[in-house]
N, C-alpha and C. Protein backbone atom coordinates (compact mmCIF):
# COMPACT_ATOMS: atom_id res chain seq x y z
N MET A 1 10.83 2.68 -2.96
CA MET A 1 9.72 1.76 -2.98
C MET A 1 9.49 1.17 -1.59
N ARG A 2 10.57 0.93 -0.89
CA ARG A 2 10.47 0.37 0.46
C ARG A 2 9.69 1.31 1.38
N LEU A 3 9.94 2.60 1.26
CA LEU A 3 9.22 3.59 2.08
C LEU A 3 7.73 3.58 1.76
N TYR A 4 7.39 3.41 0.49
CA TYR A 4 5.99 3.36 0.07
C TYR A 4 5.28 2.20 0.76
N PHE A 5 5.86 1.01 0.72
CA PHE A 5 5.22 -0.15 1.34
C PHE A 5 5.23 -0.04 2.87
N LYS A 6 6.23 0.60 3.42
CA LYS A 6 6.25 0.82 4.87
C LYS A 6 5.06 1.71 5.26
N THR A 7 4.79 2.71 4.48
CA THR A 7 3.65 3.59 4.74
C THR A 7 2.34 2.82 4.61
N VAL A 8 2.22 2.01 3.57
CA VAL A 8 1.01 1.20 3.37
C VAL A 8 0.83 0.24 4.55
N ASP A 9 1.91 -0.36 5.00
CA ASP A 9 1.83 -1.28 6.14
C ASP A 9 1.34 -0.55 7.40
N MET A 10 1.78 0.67 7.58
CA MET A 10 1.35 1.45 8.74
C MET A 10 -0.13 1.84 8.63
N MET A 11 -0.62 2.04 7.41
CA MET A 11 -2.01 2.42 7.20
C MET A 11 -2.95 1.21 7.23
N ALA A 12 -2.42 0.01 7.32
CA ALA A 12 -3.23 -1.21 7.20
C ALA A 12 -4.37 -1.26 8.22
N LYS A 13 -4.16 -0.70 9.40
CA LYS A 13 -5.23 -0.75 10.40
C LYS A 13 -6.33 0.28 10.13
N TYR A 14 -6.12 1.15 9.15
CA TYR A 14 -7.11 2.16 8.78
C TYR A 14 -7.62 1.90 7.37
N ARG A 15 -8.04 0.68 7.08
CA ARG A 15 -8.42 0.28 5.73
C ARG A 15 -9.47 1.19 5.10
N ASN A 16 -10.43 1.65 5.86
CA ASN A 16 -11.50 2.46 5.29
C ASN A 16 -11.02 3.86 4.89
N ALA A 17 -9.90 4.28 5.43
CA ALA A 17 -9.38 5.61 5.12
C ALA A 17 -8.49 5.61 3.87
N LEU A 18 -8.08 4.44 3.43
CA LEU A 18 -7.13 4.36 2.32
C LEU A 18 -7.68 4.99 1.05
N GLY A 19 -8.89 4.61 0.66
CA GLY A 19 -9.49 5.17 -0.55
C GLY A 19 -9.71 6.65 -0.45
N LEU A 20 -10.16 7.11 0.69
CA LEU A 20 -10.39 8.54 0.90
C LEU A 20 -9.09 9.32 0.79
N LEU A 21 -8.06 8.80 1.42
CA LEU A 21 -6.76 9.46 1.37
C LEU A 21 -6.21 9.51 -0.05
N ALA A 22 -6.27 8.40 -0.75
CA ALA A 22 -5.76 8.35 -2.12
C ALA A 22 -6.54 9.28 -3.03
N ALA A 23 -7.85 9.29 -2.91
CA ALA A 23 -8.68 10.12 -3.77
C ALA A 23 -8.51 11.60 -3.45
N SER A 24 -8.43 11.94 -2.18
CA SER A 24 -8.33 13.35 -1.82
C SER A 24 -7.01 13.95 -2.26
N LEU A 25 -5.97 13.12 -2.35
CA LEU A 25 -4.68 13.62 -2.81
C LEU A 25 -4.58 13.69 -4.33
N SER A 26 -5.48 13.01 -5.02
CA SER A 26 -5.37 12.91 -6.47
C SER A 26 -6.50 13.59 -7.23
N ILE A 27 -7.71 13.54 -6.70
CA ILE A 27 -8.85 14.10 -7.41
C ILE A 27 -9.25 15.40 -6.74
N ASP A 28 -8.80 16.50 -7.32
CA ASP A 28 -9.09 17.79 -6.72
C ASP A 28 -9.68 18.79 -7.73
N ALA A 29 -9.96 18.33 -8.93
CA ALA A 29 -10.56 19.19 -9.95
C ALA A 29 -11.27 18.30 -10.98
N ASP A 30 -12.16 18.90 -11.72
CA ASP A 30 -12.90 18.14 -12.73
C ASP A 30 -11.96 17.47 -13.72
N GLU A 31 -10.84 18.10 -14.03
CA GLU A 31 -9.89 17.55 -15.00
C GLU A 31 -9.26 16.25 -14.51
N SER A 32 -9.20 16.06 -13.21
CA SER A 32 -8.54 14.87 -12.68
C SER A 32 -9.51 13.71 -12.44
N LEU A 33 -10.78 13.88 -12.76
CA LEU A 33 -11.75 12.81 -12.56
C LEU A 33 -11.44 11.58 -13.42
N ASN A 34 -10.75 11.78 -14.54
CA ASN A 34 -10.44 10.64 -15.41
C ASN A 34 -9.46 9.66 -14.79
N VAL A 35 -8.84 10.01 -13.69
CA VAL A 35 -7.93 9.08 -13.01
C VAL A 35 -8.63 8.28 -11.92
N ALA A 36 -9.91 8.53 -11.71
CA ALA A 36 -10.64 7.87 -10.62
C ALA A 36 -10.60 6.34 -10.74
N LEU A 37 -10.76 5.81 -11.95
CA LEU A 37 -10.73 4.35 -12.12
C LEU A 37 -9.36 3.78 -11.80
N ILE A 38 -8.32 4.52 -12.15
CA ILE A 38 -6.96 4.06 -11.84
C ILE A 38 -6.75 4.06 -10.34
N ILE A 39 -7.20 5.10 -9.67
CA ILE A 39 -7.07 5.17 -8.21
C ILE A 39 -7.84 4.04 -7.55
N GLN A 40 -9.04 3.78 -8.05
CA GLN A 40 -9.86 2.70 -7.51
C GLN A 40 -9.12 1.36 -7.64
N THR A 41 -8.48 1.13 -8.76
CA THR A 41 -7.73 -0.10 -8.98
C THR A 41 -6.53 -0.20 -8.04
N VAL A 42 -5.82 0.90 -7.88
CA VAL A 42 -4.66 0.91 -6.99
C VAL A 42 -5.08 0.64 -5.55
N VAL A 43 -6.15 1.28 -5.11
CA VAL A 43 -6.65 1.06 -3.75
C VAL A 43 -7.07 -0.39 -3.56
N ARG A 44 -7.76 -0.97 -4.55
CA ARG A 44 -8.15 -2.38 -4.49
C ARG A 44 -6.92 -3.27 -4.32
N ASP A 45 -5.88 -3.01 -5.12
CA ASP A 45 -4.67 -3.82 -5.04
C ASP A 45 -3.94 -3.63 -3.72
N LEU A 46 -3.94 -2.41 -3.20
CA LEU A 46 -3.30 -2.17 -1.91
C LEU A 46 -4.04 -2.91 -0.79
N LYS A 47 -5.36 -2.93 -0.86
CA LYS A 47 -6.13 -3.67 0.15
C LYS A 47 -5.82 -5.16 0.07
N ARG A 48 -5.67 -5.67 -1.14
CA ARG A 48 -5.30 -7.09 -1.29
C ARG A 48 -3.93 -7.35 -0.70
N TYR A 49 -3.00 -6.44 -0.94
CA TYR A 49 -1.66 -6.57 -0.36
C TYR A 49 -1.73 -6.57 1.16
N MET A 50 -2.51 -5.63 1.71
CA MET A 50 -2.62 -5.54 3.18
C MET A 50 -3.24 -6.81 3.75
N ASP A 51 -4.25 -7.35 3.09
CA ASP A 51 -4.86 -8.61 3.54
C ASP A 51 -3.85 -9.75 3.51
N ALA A 52 -3.11 -9.86 2.42
CA ALA A 52 -2.11 -10.92 2.30
C ALA A 52 -1.02 -10.78 3.36
N LYS A 53 -0.57 -9.57 3.59
CA LYS A 53 0.47 -9.32 4.60
C LYS A 53 -0.05 -9.67 5.99
N HIS A 54 -1.30 -9.30 6.26
CA HIS A 54 -1.89 -9.60 7.57
C HIS A 54 -2.00 -11.12 7.78
N LYS A 55 -2.42 -11.82 6.75
CA LYS A 55 -2.52 -13.28 6.86
C LYS A 55 -1.16 -13.93 7.04
N ALA A 56 -0.15 -13.36 6.42
CA ALA A 56 1.20 -13.93 6.51
C ALA A 56 1.88 -13.64 7.83
N THR A 57 1.61 -12.46 8.39
CA THR A 57 2.32 -12.04 9.60
C THR A 57 1.45 -12.04 10.85
N GLY A 58 0.14 -12.07 10.67
CA GLY A 58 -0.76 -12.12 11.81
C GLY A 58 -1.11 -10.83 12.40
């Protein structure tokens, strides 16, 4: 889990790429479109985490 958040912290300066990266790794066929809402929620939460971390650490 620590590695996951370390990666997210490193991606924080590329906020606009986060959704694209998450979607391109997960949605690659019509069958996987049903996970789009879940991915959208995860990306939203990750952006909130990045904002909070940035405010806390500067």
